Amino acid sequence: MFYMYLLTLKWYNFFMKTPSIQICSLEAARAKNLSDFNGFITIEDSTIEDPFRIEHGPPEQLILRFDDIPGPHPKWVEPQEIHIEKALAFADKIGDGELLIHCHAGISRSSAIALAIIAKGLGEGNEVKAVKTLKKINPDARPNKLMVWMTDEILGREMKLYKTAFKMMWLSN
């Protein structure tokens, strides 16, 4: 049964032309076999002292540096639309390959980026399915509220994605 689920998920991802996504923490990312992935999105705090870098690819790594905050703060870097746009472009480049997305805890920023990629891949009108897919990938997901709102703006969903995520799961910040 589990094999059929994986096969169905792989076929579904192939049809959508979006990556198969895994989400994890920085600690778990350091322990992963990176050769299993076609792409790697690293979301790190602005104050990180020991950044995680892939020295020699593959896979290709996109590095985004911002903090998990709901808005402007004098000491930290807030999420911006450009971060989401870069992640969406990177996912498009990966196509239907394997993508690992991580942030410090693997709960908020990485889940918000994954939701953006899933929502774009599924297309407008599939916001409920996008949130359900994220919950299957990461049952502990608590996407950054500001990032979900910005994703909704970028994708032109007229607050449908934001309202759906807000109703179906706990958003951080």
N, C-alpha and C. Protein backbone atom coordinates (compact mmCIF):
# COMPACT_ATOMS: atom_id res chain seq x y z
N MET A 1 0.82 -1.19 0.00
CA MET A 1 0.00 0.00 0.00
C MET A 1 0.87 1.26 0.00
N PHE A 2 1.92 1.28 0.86
CA PHE A 2 2.82 2.42 0.92
C PHE A 2 3.52 2.63 -0.42
N TYR A 3 3.92 1.52 -1.06
CA TYR A 3 4.57 1.60 -2.37
C TYR A 3 3.63 2.24 -3.39
N MET A 4 2.36 1.86 -3.37
CA MET A 4 1.39 2.44 -4.30
C MET A 4 1.24 3.94 -4.04
N TYR A 5 1.26 4.35 -2.75
CA TYR A 5 1.16 5.77 -2.43
C TYR A 5 2.36 6.52 -3.01
N LEU A 6 3.57 5.98 -2.84
CA LEU A 6 4.76 6.62 -3.39
C LEU A 6 4.71 6.68 -4.91
N LEU A 7 4.27 5.60 -5.53
CA LEU A 7 4.16 5.57 -6.98
C LEU A 7 3.16 6.62 -7.45
N THR A 8 2.02 6.71 -6.77
CA THR A 8 1.01 7.70 -7.12
C THR A 8 1.56 9.11 -6.93
N LEU A 9 2.27 9.35 -5.81
CA LEU A 9 2.84 10.66 -5.55
C LEU A 9 3.87 11.02 -6.61
N LYS A 10 4.72 10.06 -7.01
CA LYS A 10 5.72 10.31 -8.05
C LYS A 10 5.01 10.64 -9.38
N TRP A 11 4.00 9.88 -9.75
CA TRP A 11 3.28 10.14 -10.99
C TRP A 11 2.61 11.51 -10.94
N TYR A 12 2.01 11.83 -9.77
CA TYR A 12 1.36 13.12 -9.59
C TYR A 12 2.38 14.25 -9.74
N ASN A 13 3.55 14.10 -9.11
CA ASN A 13 4.59 15.12 -9.23
C ASN A 13 5.06 15.25 -10.67
N PHE A 14 5.17 14.14 -11.38
CA PHE A 14 5.59 14.19 -12.77
C PHE A 14 4.57 14.97 -13.60
N PHE A 15 3.30 14.69 -13.36
CA PHE A 15 2.24 15.37 -14.10
C PHE A 15 2.24 16.86 -13.81
N MET A 16 2.50 17.23 -12.54
CA MET A 16 2.50 18.64 -12.15
C MET A 16 3.75 19.36 -12.62
N LYS A 17 4.82 18.61 -12.90
CA LYS A 17 6.12 19.20 -13.26
C LYS A 17 6.66 20.06 -12.13
N THR A 18 6.41 19.62 -10.92
CA THR A 18 6.99 20.28 -9.75
C THR A 18 7.85 19.26 -9.03
N PRO A 19 8.78 19.75 -8.24
CA PRO A 19 9.66 18.83 -7.53
C PRO A 19 8.92 18.00 -6.48
N SER A 20 9.49 16.85 -6.18
CA SER A 20 9.08 16.09 -5.02
C SER A 20 9.82 16.75 -3.86
N ILE A 21 9.10 17.19 -2.85
CA ILE A 21 9.66 18.05 -1.81
C ILE A 21 9.82 17.30 -0.50
N GLN A 22 10.95 17.53 0.15
CA GLN A 22 11.17 17.12 1.53
C GLN A 22 11.51 18.39 2.31
N ILE A 23 11.07 18.44 3.56
CA ILE A 23 11.32 19.58 4.44
C ILE A 23 12.01 19.06 5.69
N CYS A 24 13.03 19.78 6.15
CA CYS A 24 13.70 19.34 7.38
C CYS A 24 14.39 20.52 8.07
N SER A 25 14.96 20.23 9.22
CA SER A 25 15.73 21.21 9.98
C SER A 25 17.15 21.29 9.46
N LEU A 26 17.88 22.28 9.91
CA LEU A 26 19.30 22.42 9.55
C LEU A 26 20.08 21.20 10.01
N GLU A 27 19.83 20.75 11.22
CA GLU A 27 20.53 19.58 11.76
C GLU A 27 20.28 18.35 10.89
N ALA A 28 19.04 18.12 10.50
CA ALA A 28 18.71 16.97 9.65
C ALA A 28 19.31 17.13 8.26
N ALA A 29 19.35 18.34 7.73
CA ALA A 29 19.91 18.59 6.40
C ALA A 29 21.40 18.23 6.38
N ARG A 30 22.10 18.57 7.45
CA ARG A 30 23.53 18.25 7.52
C ARG A 30 23.78 16.74 7.49
N ALA A 31 22.80 15.96 7.93
CA ALA A 31 22.95 14.50 7.99
C ALA A 31 22.44 13.79 6.73
N LYS A 32 21.78 14.50 5.84
CA LYS A 32 21.19 13.89 4.64
C LYS A 32 22.25 13.48 3.63
N ASN A 33 21.92 12.48 2.84
CA ASN A 33 22.72 12.11 1.68
C ASN A 33 22.29 13.04 0.55
N LEU A 34 23.09 14.02 0.26
CA LEU A 34 22.71 15.05 -0.70
C LEU A 34 22.61 14.54 -2.13
N SER A 35 23.22 13.41 -2.41
CA SER A 35 23.15 12.87 -3.78
C SER A 35 21.74 12.38 -4.12
N ASP A 36 20.87 12.30 -3.11
CA ASP A 36 19.48 11.89 -3.34
C ASP A 36 18.63 13.02 -3.93
N PHE A 37 19.19 14.24 -4.00
CA PHE A 37 18.40 15.41 -4.38
C PHE A 37 18.94 16.08 -5.63
N ASN A 38 18.02 16.72 -6.36
CA ASN A 38 18.40 17.52 -7.53
C ASN A 38 18.59 18.98 -7.16
N GLY A 39 18.02 19.39 -6.05
CA GLY A 39 18.14 20.76 -5.59
C GLY A 39 17.99 20.85 -4.09
N PHE A 40 18.50 21.94 -3.55
CA PHE A 40 18.58 22.12 -2.11
C PHE A 40 18.36 23.59 -1.80
N ILE A 41 17.30 23.91 -1.06
CA ILE A 41 17.06 25.30 -0.67
C ILE A 41 17.41 25.44 0.81
N THR A 42 18.39 26.27 1.07
CA THR A 42 18.84 26.56 2.42
C THR A 42 18.30 27.92 2.83
N ILE A 43 17.52 27.93 3.90
CA ILE A 43 17.00 29.19 4.44
C ILE A 43 17.66 29.37 5.80
N GLU A 44 18.48 30.40 5.90
CA GLU A 44 19.23 30.57 7.14
C GLU A 44 18.95 31.90 7.80
N ASP A 45 19.17 31.92 9.12
CA ASP A 45 19.02 33.14 9.90
C ASP A 45 20.08 34.14 9.48
N SER A 46 19.79 35.41 9.66
CA SER A 46 20.75 36.46 9.29
C SER A 46 21.97 36.46 10.21
N THR A 47 21.87 35.82 11.36
CA THR A 47 22.98 35.81 12.33
C THR A 47 23.69 34.46 12.39
N ILE A 48 23.48 33.58 11.43
CA ILE A 48 24.06 32.24 11.48
C ILE A 48 25.59 32.32 11.51
N GLU A 49 26.19 31.49 12.34
CA GLU A 49 27.64 31.50 12.48
C GLU A 49 28.30 30.34 11.74
N ASP A 50 27.56 29.26 11.52
CA ASP A 50 28.11 28.09 10.83
C ASP A 50 27.18 27.71 9.68
N PRO A 51 27.21 28.47 8.59
CA PRO A 51 26.27 28.20 7.49
C PRO A 51 26.54 26.86 6.81
N PHE A 52 25.49 26.26 6.29
CA PHE A 52 25.58 24.98 5.59
C PHE A 52 25.74 25.25 4.10
N ARG A 53 26.83 24.79 3.56
CA ARG A 53 27.11 24.99 2.14
C ARG A 53 27.46 23.67 1.47
N ILE A 54 26.96 23.50 0.27
CA ILE A 54 27.35 22.36 -0.55
C ILE A 54 28.56 22.82 -1.34
N GLU A 55 29.70 22.26 -1.04
CA GLU A 55 30.95 22.71 -1.64
C GLU A 55 31.04 22.37 -3.13
N HIS A 56 30.68 21.15 -3.46
CA HIS A 56 30.77 20.70 -4.85
C HIS A 56 29.47 20.02 -5.22
N GLY A 57 28.72 20.63 -6.14
CA GLY A 57 27.45 20.04 -6.54
C GLY A 57 27.66 18.89 -7.47
N PRO A 58 26.68 18.17 -7.90
CA PRO A 58 25.30 18.41 -7.53
C PRO A 58 25.00 17.96 -6.11
N PRO A 59 23.91 18.35 -5.55
CA PRO A 59 22.86 19.18 -6.15
C PRO A 59 23.19 20.67 -6.08
N GLU A 60 22.43 21.42 -6.84
CA GLU A 60 22.56 22.88 -6.80
C GLU A 60 21.88 23.39 -5.53
N GLN A 61 22.44 24.41 -4.94
CA GLN A 61 21.92 24.96 -3.69
C GLN A 61 21.52 26.42 -3.88
N LEU A 62 20.30 26.74 -3.43
CA LEU A 62 19.85 28.13 -3.36
C LEU A 62 19.92 28.54 -1.90
N ILE A 63 20.58 29.64 -1.62
CA ILE A 63 20.71 30.12 -0.25
C ILE A 63 19.88 31.39 -0.09
N LEU A 64 18.97 31.35 0.86
CA LEU A 64 18.13 32.50 1.20
C LEU A 64 18.44 32.86 2.65
N ARG A 65 18.66 34.13 2.91
CA ARG A 65 19.04 34.54 4.26
C ARG A 65 18.04 35.58 4.77
N PHE A 66 17.21 35.14 5.72
CA PHE A 66 16.27 36.03 6.39
C PHE A 66 15.79 35.34 7.66
N ASP A 67 15.20 36.11 8.55
CA ASP A 67 14.78 35.59 9.84
C ASP A 67 13.29 35.27 9.84
N ASP A 68 12.89 34.45 10.79
CA ASP A 68 11.50 34.03 10.92
C ASP A 68 10.76 35.05 11.78
N ILE A 69 10.45 36.18 11.17
CA ILE A 69 9.78 37.27 11.88
C ILE A 69 8.57 37.73 11.06
N PRO A 70 7.58 38.34 11.72
CA PRO A 70 6.35 38.74 11.02
C PRO A 70 6.42 40.09 10.32
N GLY A 71 7.49 40.83 10.52
CA GLY A 71 7.59 42.16 9.92
C GLY A 71 8.90 42.81 10.30
N PRO A 72 9.06 44.09 9.99
CA PRO A 72 10.33 44.78 10.23
C PRO A 72 10.79 44.71 11.69
N HIS A 73 12.07 44.53 11.83
CA HIS A 73 12.71 44.52 13.15
C HIS A 73 14.11 45.09 12.97
N PRO A 74 14.55 45.96 13.86
CA PRO A 74 15.84 46.63 13.65
C PRO A 74 17.06 45.71 13.64
N LYS A 75 16.96 44.53 14.25
CA LYS A 75 18.12 43.65 14.34
C LYS A 75 18.09 42.47 13.38
N TRP A 76 16.97 42.22 12.71
CA TRP A 76 16.85 41.03 11.87
C TRP A 76 16.36 41.38 10.46
N VAL A 77 16.50 40.42 9.58
CA VAL A 77 16.09 40.59 8.18
C VAL A 77 14.72 39.93 8.02
N GLU A 78 13.76 40.72 7.57
CA GLU A 78 12.41 40.17 7.38
C GLU A 78 12.29 39.45 6.04
N PRO A 79 11.37 38.48 5.95
CA PRO A 79 11.11 37.83 4.66
C PRO A 79 10.62 38.87 3.64
N GLN A 80 11.02 38.69 2.40
CA GLN A 80 10.60 39.60 1.33
C GLN A 80 10.13 38.79 0.13
N GLU A 81 9.36 39.44 -0.73
CA GLU A 81 8.84 38.75 -1.92
C GLU A 81 9.96 38.17 -2.78
N ILE A 82 11.11 38.83 -2.84
CA ILE A 82 12.21 38.35 -3.66
C ILE A 82 12.69 36.97 -3.20
N HIS A 83 12.61 36.69 -1.91
CA HIS A 83 12.99 35.37 -1.40
C HIS A 83 12.07 34.29 -1.98
N ILE A 84 10.79 34.57 -1.98
CA ILE A 84 9.81 33.61 -2.50
C ILE A 84 9.96 33.47 -4.01
N GLU A 85 10.14 34.58 -4.71
CA GLU A 85 10.31 34.56 -6.16
C GLU A 85 11.55 33.75 -6.56
N LYS A 86 12.65 33.91 -5.83
CA LYS A 86 13.86 33.13 -6.11
C LYS A 86 13.62 31.64 -5.89
N ALA A 87 12.89 31.31 -4.82
CA ALA A 87 12.59 29.90 -4.54
C ALA A 87 11.69 29.30 -5.63
N LEU A 88 10.71 30.06 -6.08
CA LEU A 88 9.82 29.56 -7.14
C LEU A 88 10.60 29.34 -8.44
N ALA A 89 11.48 30.27 -8.78
CA ALA A 89 12.30 30.12 -9.99
C ALA A 89 13.23 28.92 -9.87
N PHE A 90 13.79 28.73 -8.70
CA PHE A 90 14.69 27.59 -8.47
C PHE A 90 13.92 26.27 -8.62
N ALA A 91 12.73 26.20 -8.04
CA ALA A 91 11.89 25.00 -8.16
C ALA A 91 11.52 24.74 -9.62
N ASP A 92 11.24 25.79 -10.37
CA ASP A 92 10.95 25.63 -11.80
C ASP A 92 12.14 25.00 -12.52
N LYS A 93 13.33 25.42 -12.14
CA LYS A 93 14.56 24.90 -12.74
C LYS A 93 14.76 23.42 -12.40
N ILE A 94 14.39 23.03 -11.20
CA ILE A 94 14.52 21.63 -10.76
C ILE A 94 13.49 20.76 -11.49
N GLY A 95 12.37 21.35 -11.88
CA GLY A 95 11.34 20.59 -12.59
C GLY A 95 10.69 19.55 -11.69
N ASP A 96 10.67 18.30 -12.14
CA ASP A 96 10.03 17.25 -11.35
C ASP A 96 11.05 16.42 -10.58
N GLY A 97 12.20 17.02 -10.28
CA GLY A 97 13.24 16.34 -9.51
C GLY A 97 12.95 16.34 -8.02
N GLU A 98 13.95 15.93 -7.26
CA GLU A 98 13.85 15.85 -5.80
C GLU A 98 14.42 17.14 -5.20
N LEU A 99 13.65 17.78 -4.34
CA LEU A 99 14.04 19.05 -3.74
C LEU A 99 13.98 18.95 -2.22
N LEU A 100 15.06 19.35 -1.57
CA LEU A 100 15.09 19.42 -0.11
C LEU A 100 15.07 20.89 0.28
N ILE A 101 14.17 21.25 1.19
CA ILE A 101 14.06 22.61 1.69
C ILE A 101 14.27 22.56 3.20
N HIS A 102 15.20 23.37 3.68
CA HIS A 102 15.41 23.38 5.13
C HIS A 102 15.59 24.81 5.63
N CYS A 103 15.19 24.99 6.88
CA CYS A 103 15.49 26.19 7.63
C CYS A 103 16.01 25.72 8.99
N HIS A 104 16.11 26.58 9.95
CA HIS A 104 16.69 26.18 11.23
C HIS A 104 15.93 25.01 11.87
N ALA A 105 14.61 25.14 12.00
CA ALA A 105 13.81 24.11 12.67
C ALA A 105 13.03 23.23 11.70
N GLY A 106 12.88 23.65 10.44
CA GLY A 106 12.11 22.86 9.48
C GLY A 106 10.61 22.96 9.68
N ILE A 107 10.15 24.09 10.22
CA ILE A 107 8.73 24.22 10.54
C ILE A 107 8.08 25.42 9.86
N SER A 108 8.68 26.58 9.91
CA SER A 108 8.01 27.81 9.49
C SER A 108 8.45 28.31 8.11
N ARG A 109 9.67 28.76 7.98
CA ARG A 109 10.12 29.33 6.71
C ARG A 109 10.18 28.29 5.61
N SER A 110 10.72 27.12 5.91
CA SER A 110 10.81 26.06 4.89
C SER A 110 9.42 25.60 4.46
N SER A 111 8.49 25.52 5.40
CA SER A 111 7.12 25.12 5.07
C SER A 111 6.42 26.18 4.22
N ALA A 112 6.70 27.45 4.50
CA ALA A 112 6.10 28.53 3.70
C ALA A 112 6.62 28.49 2.27
N ILE A 113 7.92 28.25 2.10
CA ILE A 113 8.49 28.15 0.75
C ILE A 113 7.92 26.93 0.04
N ALA A 114 7.82 25.81 0.75
CA ALA A 114 7.24 24.60 0.14
C ALA A 114 5.80 24.85 -0.29
N LEU A 115 5.02 25.53 0.54
CA LEU A 115 3.63 25.84 0.19
C LEU A 115 3.58 26.70 -1.06
N ALA A 116 4.47 27.65 -1.18
CA ALA A 116 4.51 28.50 -2.38
C ALA A 116 4.75 27.66 -3.62
N ILE A 117 5.70 26.75 -3.55
CA ILE A 117 6.04 25.89 -4.70
C ILE A 117 4.88 24.97 -5.04
N ILE A 118 4.28 24.38 -4.03
CA ILE A 118 3.14 23.47 -4.25
C ILE A 118 1.96 24.23 -4.84
N ALA A 119 1.63 25.38 -4.26
CA ALA A 119 0.48 26.17 -4.74
C ALA A 119 0.68 26.61 -6.19
N LYS A 120 1.89 27.02 -6.52
CA LYS A 120 2.16 27.41 -7.91
C LYS A 120 2.00 26.21 -8.84
N GLY A 121 2.53 25.06 -8.44
CA GLY A 121 2.46 23.87 -9.27
C GLY A 121 1.04 23.37 -9.48
N LEU A 122 0.22 23.44 -8.45
CA LEU A 122 -1.16 22.97 -8.57
C LEU A 122 -2.04 23.95 -9.33
N GLY A 123 -1.70 25.22 -9.27
CA GLY A 123 -2.48 26.22 -9.98
C GLY A 123 -3.63 26.77 -9.16
N GLU A 124 -4.16 27.86 -9.66
CA GLU A 124 -5.26 28.55 -8.97
C GLU A 124 -6.47 27.65 -8.83
N GLY A 125 -7.16 27.80 -7.70
CA GLY A 125 -8.35 26.99 -7.44
C GLY A 125 -8.05 25.72 -6.67
N ASN A 126 -6.77 25.45 -6.43
CA ASN A 126 -6.37 24.24 -5.71
C ASN A 126 -5.69 24.56 -4.38
N GLU A 127 -6.13 25.61 -3.74
CA GLU A 127 -5.52 26.04 -2.50
C GLU A 127 -5.69 25.02 -1.39
N VAL A 128 -6.87 24.41 -1.27
CA VAL A 128 -7.10 23.38 -0.25
C VAL A 128 -6.16 22.20 -0.49
N LYS A 129 -6.04 21.80 -1.73
CA LYS A 129 -5.15 20.68 -2.07
C LYS A 129 -3.69 21.03 -1.77
N ALA A 130 -3.31 22.27 -1.99
CA ALA A 130 -1.94 22.70 -1.71
C ALA A 130 -1.64 22.60 -0.21
N VAL A 131 -2.56 23.06 0.62
CA VAL A 131 -2.35 23.00 2.06
C VAL A 131 -2.34 21.55 2.54
N LYS A 132 -3.25 20.73 2.01
CA LYS A 132 -3.27 19.31 2.39
C LYS A 132 -1.97 18.62 1.98
N THR A 133 -1.45 18.97 0.82
CA THR A 133 -0.18 18.38 0.36
C THR A 133 0.95 18.77 1.29
N LEU A 134 1.00 20.04 1.68
CA LEU A 134 2.02 20.48 2.63
C LEU A 134 1.91 19.71 3.94
N LYS A 135 0.71 19.53 4.43
CA LYS A 135 0.50 18.81 5.69
C LYS A 135 0.95 17.35 5.59
N LYS A 136 0.81 16.74 4.40
CA LYS A 136 1.30 15.37 4.21
C LYS A 136 2.83 15.34 4.22
N ILE A 137 3.43 16.33 3.59
CA ILE A 137 4.90 16.39 3.53
C ILE A 137 5.47 16.67 4.91
N ASN A 138 4.86 17.61 5.64
CA ASN A 138 5.37 18.01 6.94
C ASN A 138 4.19 18.24 7.90
N PRO A 139 3.81 17.19 8.64
CA PRO A 139 2.69 17.34 9.58
C PRO A 139 2.93 18.41 10.64
N ASP A 140 4.18 18.78 10.89
CA ASP A 140 4.51 19.80 11.88
C ASP A 140 4.57 21.20 11.28
N ALA A 141 4.21 21.34 10.03
CA ALA A 141 4.33 22.63 9.33
C ALA A 141 3.50 23.71 10.02
N ARG A 142 4.14 24.86 10.19
CA ARG A 142 3.49 26.07 10.68
C ARG A 142 4.04 27.23 9.86
N PRO A 143 3.61 27.35 8.61
CA PRO A 143 4.21 28.33 7.70
C PRO A 143 4.19 29.75 8.25
N ASN A 144 5.23 30.48 7.95
CA ASN A 144 5.33 31.89 8.33
C ASN A 144 4.17 32.65 7.68
N LYS A 145 3.37 33.30 8.51
CA LYS A 145 2.15 33.99 8.06
C LYS A 145 2.45 35.06 7.01
N LEU A 146 3.48 35.87 7.23
CA LEU A 146 3.84 36.91 6.28
C LEU A 146 4.22 36.32 4.93
N MET A 147 4.96 35.22 4.96
CA MET A 147 5.38 34.58 3.71
C MET A 147 4.20 33.99 2.94
N VAL A 148 3.23 33.43 3.64
CA VAL A 148 2.03 32.90 2.97
C VAL A 148 1.26 34.05 2.34
N TRP A 149 1.14 35.16 3.06
CA TRP A 149 0.45 36.34 2.51
C TRP A 149 1.17 36.84 1.25
N MET A 150 2.51 36.93 1.30
CA MET A 150 3.27 37.39 0.14
C MET A 150 3.14 36.42 -1.03
N THR A 151 3.13 35.11 -0.74
CA THR A 151 2.95 34.11 -1.80
C THR A 151 1.61 34.31 -2.48
N ASP A 152 0.58 34.55 -1.69
CA ASP A 152 -0.75 34.79 -2.24
C ASP A 152 -0.71 35.98 -3.20
N GLU A 153 -0.01 37.04 -2.79
CA GLU A 153 0.13 38.23 -3.65
C GLU A 153 0.89 37.90 -4.93
N ILE A 154 2.02 37.20 -4.81
CA ILE A 154 2.85 36.86 -5.97
C ILE A 154 2.08 36.02 -6.96
N LEU A 155 1.32 35.04 -6.46
CA LEU A 155 0.58 34.13 -7.34
C LEU A 155 -0.77 34.70 -7.79
N GLY A 156 -1.14 35.87 -7.25
CA GLY A 156 -2.40 36.50 -7.65
C GLY A 156 -3.62 35.70 -7.22
N ARG A 157 -3.60 35.17 -6.02
CA ARG A 157 -4.70 34.31 -5.55
C ARG A 157 -5.80 35.06 -4.81
N GLU A 158 -5.71 36.36 -4.73
CA GLU A 158 -6.75 37.18 -4.12
C GLU A 158 -7.11 36.71 -2.71
N MET A 159 -6.11 36.40 -1.93
CA MET A 159 -6.20 35.97 -0.52
C MET A 159 -6.79 34.56 -0.34
N LYS A 160 -7.00 33.82 -1.42
CA LYS A 160 -7.54 32.46 -1.28
C LYS A 160 -6.54 31.53 -0.61
N LEU A 161 -5.28 31.60 -1.00
CA LEU A 161 -4.27 30.74 -0.39
C LEU A 161 -4.08 31.10 1.08
N TYR A 162 -3.96 32.37 1.36
CA TYR A 162 -3.76 32.81 2.74
C TYR A 162 -4.93 32.39 3.63
N LYS A 163 -6.16 32.66 3.19
CA LYS A 163 -7.34 32.31 3.99
C LYS A 163 -7.46 30.81 4.19
N THR A 164 -7.15 30.04 3.16
CA THR A 164 -7.22 28.58 3.26
C THR A 164 -6.18 28.07 4.25
N ALA A 165 -4.95 28.54 4.13
CA ALA A 165 -3.90 28.11 5.05
C ALA A 165 -4.24 28.53 6.48
N PHE A 166 -4.74 29.75 6.65
CA PHE A 166 -5.10 30.25 7.97
C PHE A 166 -6.18 29.39 8.61
N LYS A 167 -7.14 28.94 7.79
CA LYS A 167 -8.25 28.13 8.29
C LYS A 167 -7.84 26.68 8.57
N MET A 168 -6.94 26.14 7.76
CA MET A 168 -6.63 24.71 7.84
C MET A 168 -5.42 24.36 8.71
N MET A 169 -4.59 25.34 9.03
CA MET A 169 -3.41 25.03 9.83
C MET A 169 -2.98 26.24 10.64
N TRP A 170 -2.11 25.99 11.59
CA TRP A 170 -1.60 27.07 12.41
C TRP A 170 -0.47 27.76 11.67
N LEU A 171 -0.55 29.07 11.49
CA LEU A 171 0.51 29.85 10.86
C LEU A 171 1.35 30.51 11.93
N SER A 172 2.65 30.54 11.75
CA SER A 172 3.52 31.14 12.76
C SER A 172 3.56 32.65 12.61
N ASN A 173 3.87 33.30 13.71
CA ASN A 173 4.01 34.75 13.80
C ASN A 173 2.66 35.41 13.61
